Amino acid sequence: METRVKLRHPIFIVSIFRTGSTLLTNILNANSFIAMIPEEIHLWNPYPWAFDVMTLCKTHKISNERDIEMLIDKLFSERVLYGGFWKKLNKFELKKERVTKNAIKIYQEFGEISCIDIVNLVFLEFLSNTDKIRIGGKNPVYGRNVELLNTLYPDSKIICLVRDPRAIYLSKTNDEFSREVKSKLRWKCLVTLFDFATLVRIILEYTWLFRTCKSHKNDENVILTRYEDIVTSPRENLKKLCQFLDVPFEKDMLYVTGKPSSIDNKTTRRSIDPKSAYKWRKKIKPWQYWILTEILHKSIEWFGYPVKAYDSYNNDD
């Protein structure tokens, strides 16, 4: 079915957790042309327990106006779909009635409307609450399946965002969720087991991300961006990113914040912090460093990170 509701050159950040996607989202949102959805949108997620937008679209058939209303009810319920945007949809003060009215109008005019058309109407409703002309979101697909984005949004701009996996690991094992879980574990061996499970997950997901970025490295609508480059040379790299996105670079993009650092447990972060790129080197344990480096050395090297950074960090436990 033809997509009738189109977004104007949407911008998508494809990554995994703790890669700096929140920081980059805030940076892009500071541009006067771009409205970035602040929460993950998860059109598609590889994990079977994540009921994503594409799963909903496959299971919900539209053959009349009542089907349209039921689908929009599910989108706005905050209980059905996986992803922060859908779980907190009502906080954005979107007009559900207007989305429904526009969807039914399209259905009456053309005799059909797709699930993605209706999802795009929700995105356009978000955009209408701003004074900007382009919309973007983080993690429309998780770590892979850029092909789906190219199918749904052939004129999109896709940022493949990466970070040193050793930094990702240390950041994830010290984030709020992980700290809360580990605080409830009575034995140190269980804490170590939890950290090891996190390590395995990162190896899996980083491999996905590596294969995705590598296979699409020559696509005209895809750009590879490293978190470390953004925080250590922000002006230079954001100008390059803006050129790719066809928007002017604006100085306000340099003065935003991301999530608080989980590595040093700071509650706030002022602007872009160059030191955040390499804090992991003084915090990571030798066994964690060794496993990640040995298994992921090909992707580490391909992304331009030093495979051997052992001498650069404090190996005291």
C-alpha atoms as a PDB file:
ATOM      1  CA  MET A   1       0.000   0.000   0.000  1.00  0.00           C
ATOM      2  CA  GLU A   2       1.261   3.457  -0.885  1.00  0.00           C
ATOM      3  CA  THR A   3       2.264   5.674   2.020  1.00  0.00           C
ATOM      4  CA  ARG A   4       0.093   8.774   1.805  1.00  0.00           C
ATOM      5  CA  VAL A   5       1.301  10.620   4.905  1.00  0.00           C
ATOM      6  CA  LYS A   6       4.935  11.521   4.376  1.00  0.00           C
ATOM      7  CA  LEU A   7       7.515  13.110   6.640  1.00  0.00           C
ATOM      8  CA  ARG A   8       9.913  15.683   5.207  1.00  0.00           C
ATOM      9  CA  HIS A   9      13.422  14.199   5.323  1.00  0.00           C
ATOM     10  CA  PRO A  10      13.047  12.706   8.817  1.00  0.00           C
ATOM     11  CA  ILE A  11      16.199  12.281  10.894  1.00  0.00           C
ATOM     12  CA  PHE A  12      16.828   9.018  12.726  1.00  0.00           C
ATOM     13  CA  ILE A  13      19.534   8.037  15.203  1.00  0.00           C
ATOM     14  CA  VAL A  14      20.300   4.311  15.046  1.00  0.00           C
ATOM     15  CA  SER A  15      22.284   3.040  18.016  1.00  0.00           C
ATOM     16  CA  ILE A  16      22.123   0.912  21.163  1.00  0.00           C
ATOM     17  CA  PHE A  17      21.907   2.006  24.797  1.00  0.00           C
ATOM     18  CA  ARG A  18      24.476   4.314  26.443  1.00  0.00           C
ATOM     19  CA  THR A  19      25.966   5.521  23.148  1.00  0.00           C
ATOM     20  CA  GLY A  20      25.080   9.156  23.773  1.00  0.00           C
ATOM     21  CA  SER A  21      21.820   9.169  21.813  1.00  0.00           C
ATOM     22  CA  THR A  22      20.146  11.429  24.381  1.00  0.00           C
ATOM     23  CA  LEU A  23      22.948  13.974  24.082  1.00  0.00           C
ATOM     24  CA  LEU A  24      22.832  13.902  20.284  1.00  0.00           C
ATOM     25  CA  THR A  25      19.036  14.164  20.335  1.00  0.00           C
ATOM     26  CA  ASN A  26      19.277  17.282  22.490  1.00  0.00           C
ATOM     27  CA  ILE A  27      21.996  18.728  20.260  1.00  0.00           C
ATOM     28  CA  LEU A  28      19.907  18.294  17.118  1.00  0.00           C
ATOM     29  CA  ASN A  29      16.795  19.591  18.847  1.00  0.00           C
ATOM     30  CA  ALA A  30      18.680  22.823  19.595  1.00  0.00           C
ATOM     31  CA  ASN A  31      18.711  23.477  15.847  1.00  0.00           C
ATOM     32  CA  SER A  32      15.905  25.811  14.790  1.00  0.00           C
ATOM     33  CA  PHE A  33      14.923  23.528  11.894  1.00  0.00           C
ATOM     34  CA  ILE A  34      14.746  20.182  13.740  1.00  0.00           C
ATOM     35  CA  ALA A  35      12.244  18.885  16.299  1.00  0.00           C
ATOM     36  CA  MET A  36      13.641  15.743  17.890  1.00  0.00           C
ATOM     37  CA  ILE A  37      11.313  13.438  19.803  1.00  0.00           C
ATOM     38  CA  PRO A  38      13.021  13.180  23.214  1.00  0.00           C
ATOM     39  CA  GLU A  39      12.089   9.539  23.860  1.00  0.00           C
ATOM     40  CA  GLU A  40      12.892   6.341  21.959  1.00  0.00           C
ATOM     41  CA  ILE A  41      10.299   5.597  19.282  1.00  0.00           C
ATOM     42  CA  HIS A  42      11.056   1.913  18.542  1.00  0.00           C
ATOM     43  CA  LEU A  43       9.227   1.330  15.288  1.00  0.00           C
ATOM     44  CA  TRP A  44      11.036  -2.021  15.314  1.00  0.00           C
ATOM     45  CA  ASN A  45      12.872  -3.898  18.060  1.00  0.00           C
ATOM     46  CA  PRO A  46      14.613  -7.291  17.702  1.00  0.00           C
ATOM     47  CA  TYR A  47      13.568  -8.643  21.081  1.00  0.00           C
ATOM     48  CA  PRO A  48      10.369 -10.767  21.026  1.00  0.00           C
ATOM     49  CA  TRP A  49       9.025  -9.280  24.272  1.00  0.00           C
ATOM     50  CA  ALA A  50       9.095  -5.752  22.829  1.00  0.00           C
ATOM     51  CA  PHE A  51       5.670  -5.123  21.268  1.00  0.00           C
ATOM     52  CA  ASP A  52       6.746  -2.502  18.752  1.00  0.00           C
ATOM     53  CA  VAL A  53       4.962  -0.445  16.107  1.00  0.00           C
ATOM     54  CA  MET A  54       5.646  -2.904  13.285  1.00  0.00           C
ATOM     55  CA  THR A  55       4.192  -5.768  15.321  1.00  0.00           C
ATOM     56  CA  LEU A  56       1.067  -3.706  15.955  1.00  0.00           C
ATOM     57  CA  CYS A  57       0.797  -2.867  12.260  1.00  0.00           C
ATOM     58  CA  LYS A  58       1.007  -6.547  11.320  1.00  0.00           C
ATOM     59  CA  THR A  59      -1.693  -7.584  13.769  1.00  0.00           C
ATOM     60  CA  HIS A  60      -4.140  -4.696  13.348  1.00  0.00           C
ATOM     61  CA  LYS A  61      -5.930  -4.667  10.009  1.00  0.00           C
ATOM     62  CA  ILE A  62      -7.738  -1.557   8.795  1.00  0.00           C
ATOM     63  CA  SER A  63     -10.933  -2.114   6.823  1.00  0.00           C
ATOM     64  CA  ASN A  64     -13.232   0.586   8.200  1.00  0.00           C
ATOM     65  CA  GLU A  65     -13.292   3.779  10.246  1.00  0.00           C
ATOM     66  CA  ARG A  66     -13.802   1.880  13.494  1.00  0.00           C
ATOM     67  CA  ASP A  67     -10.520   0.034  12.880  1.00  0.00           C
ATOM     68  CA  ILE A  68      -8.801   3.404  12.536  1.00  0.00           C
ATOM     69  CA  GLU A  69     -10.218   4.603  15.845  1.00  0.00           C
ATOM     70  CA  MET A  70      -9.189   1.372  17.591  1.00  0.00           C
ATOM     71  CA  LEU A  71      -5.633   1.630  16.251  1.00  0.00           C
ATOM     72  CA  ILE A  72      -5.298   5.224  17.410  1.00  0.00           C
ATOM     73  CA  ASP A  73      -6.666   4.203  20.819  1.00  0.00           C
ATOM     74  CA  LYS A  74      -3.870   1.643  21.068  1.00  0.00           C
ATOM     75  CA  LEU A  75      -1.224   4.163  20.023  1.00  0.00           C
ATOM     76  CA  PHE A  76      -2.386   6.622  22.678  1.00  0.00           C
ATOM     77  CA  SER A  77      -3.042   4.099  25.448  1.00  0.00           C
ATOM     78  CA  GLU A  78       0.547   4.243  26.823  1.00  0.00           C
ATOM     79  CA  ARG A  79       0.175   0.547  27.733  1.00  0.00           C
ATOM     80  CA  VAL A  80       0.419  -1.296  24.430  1.00  0.00           C
ATOM     81  CA  LEU A  81       3.604  -0.260  22.648  1.00  0.00           C
ATOM     82  CA  TYR A  82       7.250  -0.617  23.631  1.00  0.00           C
ATOM     83  CA  GLY A  83       9.338   2.565  23.700  1.00  0.00           C
ATOM     84  CA  GLY A  84       9.556   5.686  25.835  1.00  0.00           C
ATOM     85  CA  PHE A  85       7.679   7.882  23.346  1.00  0.00           C
ATOM     86  CA  TRP A  86       4.641   5.614  23.301  1.00  0.00           C
ATOM     87  CA  LYS A  87       4.752   5.016  27.067  1.00  0.00           C
ATOM     88  CA  LYS A  88       4.686   8.776  27.719  1.00  0.00           C
ATOM     89  CA  LEU A  89       2.684   9.920  24.712  1.00  0.00           C
ATOM     90  CA  ASN A  90       0.132  11.964  26.637  1.00  0.00           C
ATOM     91  CA  LYS A  91       2.766  14.149  28.278  1.00  0.00           C
ATOM     92  CA  PHE A  92       3.422  15.698  24.857  1.00  0.00           C
ATOM     93  CA  GLU A  93      -0.157  17.047  24.757  1.00  0.00           C
ATOM     94  CA  LEU A  94      -0.904  15.673  21.314  1.00  0.00           C
ATOM     95  CA  LYS A  95      -4.443  16.054  19.999  1.00  0.00           C
ATOM     96  CA  LYS A  96      -5.764  12.524  19.601  1.00  0.00           C
ATOM     97  CA  GLU A  97      -9.005  13.809  18.088  1.00  0.00           C
ATOM     98  CA  ARG A  98      -7.125  15.696  15.373  1.00  0.00           C
ATOM     99  CA  VAL A  99      -5.063  12.613  14.496  1.00  0.00           C
ATOM    100  CA  THR A 100      -8.281  10.578  14.249  1.00  0.00           C
ATOM    101  CA  LYS A 101     -10.026  13.220  12.146  1.00  0.00           C
ATOM    102  CA  ASN A 102      -7.112  13.461   9.703  1.00  0.00           C
ATOM    103  CA  ALA A 103      -6.814   9.681   9.435  1.00  0.00           C
ATOM    104  CA  ILE A 104     -10.513   9.219   8.690  1.00  0.00           C
ATOM    105  CA  LYS A 105     -10.391  12.034   6.127  1.00  0.00           C
ATOM    106  CA  ILE A 106      -7.590  10.247   4.250  1.00  0.00           C
ATOM    107  CA  TYR A 107      -9.480   6.949   4.436  1.00  0.00           C
ATOM    108  CA  GLN A 108     -12.639   8.533   3.055  1.00  0.00           C
ATOM    109  CA  GLU A 109     -10.744  10.198   0.214  1.00  0.00           C
ATOM    110  CA  PHE A 110      -8.648   7.227  -0.920  1.00  0.00           C
ATOM    111  CA  GLY A 111     -10.573   4.246   0.433  1.00  0.00           C
ATOM    112  CA  GLU A 112      -7.520   3.064   2.369  1.00  0.00           C
ATOM    113  CA  ILE A 113      -4.931   4.138   4.902  1.00  0.00           C
ATOM    114  CA  SER A 114      -1.946   2.251   6.268  1.00  0.00           C
ATOM    115  CA  CYS A 115      -0.864   1.798   9.853  1.00  0.00           C
ATOM    116  CA  ILE A 116       2.353   3.711   9.103  1.00  0.00           C
ATOM    117  CA  ASP A 117       0.269   6.587   7.708  1.00  0.00           C
ATOM    118  CA  ILE A 118      -1.425   6.855  11.090  1.00  0.00           C
ATOM    119  CA  VAL A 119       1.888   6.612  12.951  1.00  0.00           C
ATOM    120  CA  ASN A 120       3.189   9.425  10.741  1.00  0.00           C
ATOM    121  CA  LEU A 121       0.132  11.498  11.622  1.00  0.00           C
ATOM    122  CA  VAL A 122       1.127  11.125  15.282  1.00  0.00           C
ATOM    123  CA  PHE A 123       4.652  12.298  14.439  1.00  0.00           C
ATOM    124  CA  LEU A 124       3.266  15.256  12.481  1.00  0.00           C
ATOM    125  CA  GLU A 125       1.035  16.124  15.423  1.00  0.00           C
ATOM    126  CA  PHE A 126       4.175  16.273  17.568  1.00  0.00           C
ATOM    127  CA  LEU A 127       5.839  18.479  14.947  1.00  0.00           C
ATOM    128  CA  SER A 128       2.830  20.809  14.792  1.00  0.00           C
ATOM    129  CA  ASN A 129       3.404  21.723  18.445  1.00  0.00           C
ATOM    130  CA  THR A 130       6.757  23.240  17.462  1.00  0.00           C
ATOM    131  CA  ASP A 131       7.794  25.981  15.057  1.00  0.00           C
ATOM    132  CA  LYS A 132      10.120  23.633  13.173  1.00  0.00           C
ATOM    133  CA  ILE A 133       9.865  21.907   9.807  1.00  0.00           C
ATOM    134  CA  ARG A 134      11.671  18.580  10.247  1.00  0.00           C
ATOM    135  CA  ILE A 135      11.172  15.805  12.741  1.00  0.00           C
ATOM    136  CA  GLY A 136      13.577  13.224  14.102  1.00  0.00           C
ATOM    137  CA  GLY A 137      13.799  10.442  16.638  1.00  0.00           C
ATOM    138  CA  LYS A 138      16.238   8.087  18.310  1.00  0.00           C
ATOM    139  CA  ASN A 139      16.196   4.323  18.002  1.00  0.00           C
ATOM    140  CA  PRO A 140      13.412   3.867  15.444  1.00  0.00           C
ATOM    141  CA  VAL A 141      15.144   0.524  14.937  1.00  0.00           C
ATOM    142  CA  TYR A 142      17.422  -0.954  17.581  1.00  0.00           C
ATOM    143  CA  GLY A 143      20.966  -1.579  16.410  1.00  0.00           C
ATOM    144  CA  ARG A 144      19.984  -2.966  13.008  1.00  0.00           C
ATOM    145  CA  ASN A 145      17.296  -3.144  10.279  1.00  0.00           C
ATOM    146  CA  VAL A 146      18.164   0.114   8.548  1.00  0.00           C
ATOM    147  CA  GLU A 147      16.556  -1.535   5.519  1.00  0.00           C
ATOM    148  CA  LEU A 148      13.166  -1.069   7.170  1.00  0.00           C
ATOM    149  CA  LEU A 149      13.790   2.644   7.635  1.00  0.00           C
ATOM    150  CA  ASN A 150      14.827   2.990   4.007  1.00  0.00           C
ATOM    151  CA  THR A 151      11.613   1.250   2.962  1.00  0.00           C
ATOM    152  CA  LEU A 152       9.311   3.313   5.162  1.00  0.00           C
ATOM    153  CA  TYR A 153      11.197   6.604   4.794  1.00  0.00           C
ATOM    154  CA  PRO A 154      13.273   6.545   1.591  1.00  0.00           C
ATOM    155  CA  ASP A 155      14.242  10.224   1.922  1.00  0.00           C
ATOM    156  CA  SER A 156      15.309   9.946   5.568  1.00  0.00           C
ATOM    157  CA  LYS A 157      18.701  10.881   6.996  1.00  0.00           C
ATOM    158  CA  ILE A 158      20.140   8.189   9.259  1.00  0.00           C
ATOM    159  CA  ILE A 159      22.861   8.722  11.847  1.00  0.00           C
ATOM    160  CA  CYS A 160      24.629   5.532  12.886  1.00  0.00           C
ATOM    161  CA  LEU A 161      25.828   6.504  16.364  1.00  0.00           C
ATOM    162  CA  VAL A 162      28.599   4.473  17.998  1.00  0.00           C
ATOM    163  CA  ARG A 163      30.774   4.587  21.093  1.00  0.00           C
ATOM    164  CA  ASP A 164      33.689   2.527  22.381  1.00  0.00           C
ATOM    165  CA  PRO A 165      32.038  -0.693  23.653  1.00  0.00           C
ATOM    166  CA  ARG A 166      34.172  -0.655  26.778  1.00  0.00           C
ATOM    167  CA  ALA A 167      32.748   2.761  27.641  1.00  0.00           C
ATOM    168  CA  ILE A 168      29.230   1.529  26.867  1.00  0.00           C
ATOM    169  CA  TYR A 169      29.708  -1.413  29.212  1.00  0.00           C
ATOM    170  CA  LEU A 170      30.974   0.641  32.114  1.00  0.00           C
ATOM    171  CA  SER A 171      28.250   3.225  31.595  1.00  0.00           C
ATOM    172  CA  LYS A 172      25.508   0.590  31.498  1.00  0.00           C
ATOM    173  CA  THR A 173      26.674  -1.328  34.567  1.00  0.00           C
ATOM    174  CA  ASN A 174      26.654   1.918  36.545  1.00  0.00           C
ATOM    175  CA  ASP A 175      23.420   3.463  35.301  1.00  0.00           C
ATOM    176  CA  GLU A 176      20.436   3.988  37.597  1.00  0.00           C
ATOM    177  CA  PHE A 177      18.696   0.727  36.666  1.00  0.00           C
ATOM    178  CA  SER A 178      21.799  -1.419  37.128  1.00  0.00           C
ATOM    179  CA  ARG A 179      22.703   0.213  40.430  1.00  0.00           C
ATOM    180  CA  GLU A 180      19.201  -0.376  41.739  1.00  0.00           C
ATOM    181  CA  VAL A 181      19.257  -4.056  40.752  1.00  0.00           C
ATOM    182  CA  LYS A 182      22.705  -4.655  42.205  1.00  0.00           C
ATOM    183  CA  SER A 183      21.797  -2.942  45.465  1.00  0.00           C
ATOM    184  CA  LYS A 184      19.193  -5.667  46.025  1.00  0.00           C
ATOM    185  CA  LEU A 185      21.598  -8.557  45.411  1.00  0.00           C
ATOM    186  CA  ARG A 186      22.856 -10.038  48.668  1.00  0.00           C
ATOM    187  CA  TRP A 187      26.013 -11.750  47.425  1.00  0.00           C
ATOM    188  CA  LYS A 188      28.910 -10.279  45.509  1.00  0.00           C
ATOM    189  CA  CYS A 189      28.928 -13.272  43.156  1.00  0.00           C
ATOM    190  CA  LEU A 190      25.423 -12.310  41.994  1.00  0.00           C
ATOM    191  CA  VAL A 191      26.586  -8.765  41.308  1.00  0.00           C
ATOM    192  CA  THR A 192      29.438 -10.164  39.216  1.00  0.00           C
ATOM    193  CA  LEU A 193      26.978 -12.446  37.406  1.00  0.00           C
ATOM    194  CA  PHE A 194      24.712  -9.482  36.655  1.00  0.00           C
ATOM    195  CA  ASP A 195      27.648  -7.503  35.264  1.00  0.00           C
ATOM    196  CA  PHE A 196      28.674 -10.493  33.157  1.00  0.00           C
ATOM    197  CA  ALA A 197      25.143 -10.813  31.740  1.00  0.00           C
ATOM    198  CA  THR A 198      25.285  -7.133  30.812  1.00  0.00           C
ATOM    199  CA  LEU A 199      28.632  -7.731  29.140  1.00  0.00           C
ATOM    200  CA  VAL A 200      27.189 -10.571  27.030  1.00  0.00           C
ATOM    201  CA  ARG A 201      24.267  -8.401  25.974  1.00  0.00           C
ATOM    202  CA  ILE A 202      26.573  -5.571  24.942  1.00  0.00           C
ATOM    203  CA  ILE A 203      28.728  -7.936  22.887  1.00  0.00           C
ATOM    204  CA  LEU A 204      25.607  -9.150  21.067  1.00  0.00           C
ATOM    205  CA  GLU A 205      24.123  -5.714  20.447  1.00  0.00           C
ATOM    206  CA  TYR A 206      27.424  -4.080  19.556  1.00  0.00           C
ATOM    207  CA  THR A 207      27.960  -6.782  16.952  1.00  0.00           C
ATOM    208  CA  TRP A 208      24.553  -5.913  15.483  1.00  0.00           C
ATOM    209  CA  LEU A 209      25.463  -2.239  15.393  1.00  0.00           C
ATOM    210  CA  PHE A 210      28.858  -2.919  13.836  1.00  0.00           C
ATOM    211  CA  ARG A 211      27.359  -5.010  11.038  1.00  0.00           C
ATOM    212  CA  THR A 212      24.669  -2.405  10.424  1.00  0.00           C
ATOM    213  CA  CYS A 213      27.072   0.525  10.204  1.00  0.00           C
ATOM    214  CA  LYS A 214      29.533  -1.409   8.068  1.00  0.00           C
ATOM    215  CA  SER A 215      26.954  -2.676   5.582  1.00  0.00           C
ATOM    216  CA  HIS A 216      25.479   0.814   5.114  1.00  0.00           C
ATOM    217  CA  LYS A 217      28.701   2.837   5.229  1.00  0.00           C
ATOM    218  CA  ASN A 218      28.413   3.815   1.557  1.00  0.00           C
ATOM    219  CA  ASP A 219      24.717   4.729   1.621  1.00  0.00           C
ATOM    220  CA  GLU A 220      24.171   8.373   0.715  1.00  0.00           C
ATOM    221  CA  ASN A 221      21.579   8.826   3.455  1.00  0.00           C
ATOM    222  CA  VAL A 222      23.650   7.227   6.255  1.00  0.00           C
ATOM    223  CA  ILE A 223      26.482   8.794   8.234  1.00  0.00           C
ATOM    224  CA  LEU A 224      28.676   7.210  10.892  1.00  0.00           C
ATOM    225  CA  THR A 225      29.116   9.383  13.977  1.00  0.00           C
ATOM    226  CA  ARG A 226      31.207   8.574  17.050  1.00  0.00           C
ATOM    227  CA  TYR A 227      30.196   9.836  20.472  1.00  0.00           C
ATOM    228  CA  GLU A 228      33.821  10.554  21.288  1.00  0.00           C
ATOM    229  CA  ASP A 229      34.187  12.860  18.278  1.00  0.00           C
ATOM    230  CA  ILE A 230      31.092  14.827  19.272  1.00  0.00           C
ATOM    231  CA  VAL A 231      32.277  15.514  22.817  1.00  0.00           C
ATOM    232  CA  THR A 232      35.976  16.121  22.063  1.00  0.00           C
ATOM    233  CA  SER A 233      35.607  18.209  18.868  1.00  0.00           C
ATOM    234  CA  PRO A 234      31.969  19.297  18.897  1.00  0.00           C
ATOM    235  CA  ARG A 235      32.090  22.309  16.597  1.00  0.00           C
ATOM    236  CA  GLU A 236      33.958  20.532  13.808  1.00  0.00           C
ATOM    237  CA  ASN A 237      31.883  17.356  13.942  1.00  0.00           C
ATOM    238  CA  LEU A 238      28.513  19.038  14.369  1.00  0.00           C
ATOM    239  CA  LYS A 239      29.203  21.220  11.331  1.00  0.00           C
ATOM    240  CA  LYS A 240      29.906  18.052   9.376  1.00  0.00           C
ATOM    241  CA  LEU A 241      26.712  16.481  10.688  1.00  0.00           C
ATOM    242  CA  CYS A 242      24.639  19.552   9.835  1.00  0.00           C
ATOM    243  CA  GLN A 243      26.005  19.538   6.301  1.00  0.00           C
ATOM    244  CA  PHE A 244      24.885  15.922   5.951  1.00  0.00           C
ATOM    245  CA  LEU A 245      21.434  16.792   7.313  1.00  0.00           C
ATOM    246  CA  ASP A 246      21.106  19.854   5.045  1.00  0.00           C
ATOM    247  CA  VAL A 247      20.581  22.274   7.914  1.00  0.00           C
ATOM    248  CA  PRO A 248      22.753  25.208   9.026  1.00  0.00           C
ATOM    249  CA  PHE A 249      25.022  24.774  12.015  1.00  0.00           C
ATOM    250  CA  GLU A 250      23.874  26.885  14.958  1.00  0.00           C
ATOM    251  CA  LYS A 251      25.938  27.785  18.021  1.00  0.00           C
ATOM    252  CA  ASP A 252      23.137  26.810  20.398  1.00  0.00           C
ATOM    253  CA  MET A 253      23.834  23.197  19.473  1.00  0.00           C
ATOM    254  CA  LEU A 254      27.067  23.402  21.480  1.00  0.00           C
ATOM    255  CA  TYR A 255      25.341  24.199  24.761  1.00  0.00           C
ATOM    256  CA  VAL A 256      23.111  21.284  25.664  1.00  0.00           C
ATOM    257  CA  THR A 257      23.180  18.464  28.191  1.00  0.00           C
ATOM    258  CA  GLY A 258      22.752  14.706  27.973  1.00  0.00           C
ATOM    259  CA  LYS A 259      22.039  12.074  30.589  1.00  0.00           C
ATOM    260  CA  PRO A 260      24.035  12.417  33.809  1.00  0.00           C
ATOM    261  CA  SER A 261      27.262  10.436  33.746  1.00  0.00           C
ATOM    262  CA  SER A 262      26.782   6.987  35.263  1.00  0.00           C
ATOM    263  CA  ILE A 263      30.529   6.416  35.457  1.00  0.00           C
ATOM    264  CA  ASP A 264      31.295   9.103  38.037  1.00  0.00           C
ATOM    265  CA  ASN A 265      27.712   9.302  39.383  1.00  0.00           C
ATOM    266  CA  LYS A 266      27.395  13.037  38.779  1.00  0.00           C
ATOM    267  CA  THR A 267      23.814  14.226  38.938  1.00  0.00           C
ATOM    268  CA  THR A 268      24.257  16.979  36.361  1.00  0.00           C
ATOM    269  CA  ARG A 269      26.356  17.602  33.309  1.00  0.00           C
ATOM    270  CA  ARG A 270      27.015  21.074  32.019  1.00  0.00           C
ATOM    271  CA  SER A 271      27.110  21.336  28.255  1.00  0.00           C
ATOM    272  CA  ILE A 272      29.264  18.890  26.256  1.00  0.00           C
ATOM    273  CA  ASP A 273      31.938  17.251  28.394  1.00  0.00           C
ATOM    274  CA  PRO A 274      35.137  16.156  26.553  1.00  0.00           C
ATOM    275  CA  LYS A 275      36.284  14.181  29.596  1.00  0.00           C
ATOM    276  CA  SER A 276      33.301  11.843  29.310  1.00  0.00           C
ATOM    277  CA  ALA A 277      34.899  10.156  26.283  1.00  0.00           C
ATOM    278  CA  TYR A 278      37.628   8.392  28.223  1.00  0.00           C
ATOM    279  CA  LYS A 279      36.512   8.134  31.861  1.00  0.00           C
ATOM    280  CA  TRP A 280      35.998   4.405  31.420  1.00  0.00           C
ATOM    281  CA  ARG A 281      39.742   3.806  31.126  1.00  0.00           C
ATOM    282  CA  LYS A 282      40.277   4.525  34.817  1.00  0.00           C
ATOM    283  CA  LYS A 283      37.216   2.628  36.027  1.00  0.00           C
ATOM    284  CA  ILE A 284      36.987  -0.607  34.060  1.00  0.00           C
ATOM    285  CA  LYS A 285      38.237  -3.851  35.601  1.00  0.00           C
ATOM    286  CA  PRO A 286      40.895  -5.924  33.807  1.00  0.00           C
ATOM    287  CA  TRP A 287      38.646  -8.944  33.178  1.00  0.00           C
ATOM    288  CA  GLN A 288      35.926  -6.729  31.723  1.00  0.00           C
ATOM    289  CA  TYR A 289      38.411  -4.906  29.520  1.00  0.00           C
ATOM    290  CA  TRP A 290      40.040  -8.125  28.319  1.00  0.00           C
ATOM    291  CA  ILE A 291      36.817  -9.938  27.364  1.00  0.00           C
ATOM    292  CA  LEU A 292      35.345  -6.976  25.490  1.00  0.00           C
ATOM    293  CA  THR A 293      38.590  -6.215  23.672  1.00  0.00           C
ATOM    294  CA  GLU A 294      39.267  -9.820  22.674  1.00  0.00           C
ATOM    295  CA  ILE A 295      35.774 -10.507  21.356  1.00  0.00           C
ATOM    296  CA  LEU A 296      35.047  -7.123  19.784  1.00  0.00           C
ATOM    297  CA  HIS A 297      38.526  -6.196  18.558  1.00  0.00           C
ATOM    298  CA  LYS A 298      37.489  -6.206  14.878  1.00  0.00           C
ATOM    299  CA  SER A 299      34.635  -3.767  15.412  1.00  0.00           C
ATOM    300  CA  ILE A 300      36.699  -1.665  17.832  1.00  0.00           C
ATOM    301  CA  GLU A 301      39.408  -1.312  15.205  1.00  0.00           C
ATOM    302  CA  TRP A 302      36.953  -0.711  12.344  1.00  0.00           C
ATOM    303  CA  PHE A 303      35.343   2.173  14.221  1.00  0.00           C
ATOM    304  CA  GLY A 304      38.789   3.680  14.784  1.00  0.00           C
ATOM    305  CA  TYR A 305      39.190   3.041  18.499  1.00  0.00           C
ATOM    306  CA  PRO A 306      42.506   1.852  19.982  1.00  0.00           C
ATOM    307  CA  VAL A 307      42.371  -1.913  20.397  1.00  0.00           C
ATOM    308  CA  LYS A 308      45.038  -1.762  23.071  1.00  0.00           C
ATOM    309  CA  ALA A 309      44.147   0.931  25.561  1.00  0.00           C
ATOM    310  CA  TYR A 310      45.374  -1.082  28.540  1.00  0.00           C
ATOM    311  CA  ASP A 311      48.198   1.296  29.424  1.00  0.00           C
ATOM    312  CA  SER A 312      45.753   4.196  29.427  1.00  0.00           C
ATOM    313  CA  TYR A 313      43.665   3.035  32.335  1.00  0.00           C
ATOM    314  CA  ASN A 314      44.165   2.267  35.992  1.00  0.00           C
ATOM    315  CA  ASN A 315      44.143  -1.516  36.359  1.00  0.00           C
ATOM    316  CA  ASP A 316      43.701  -1.509  40.101  1.00  0.00           C
ATOM    317  CA  ASP A 317      40.607  -3.329  41.355  1.00  0.00           C
END
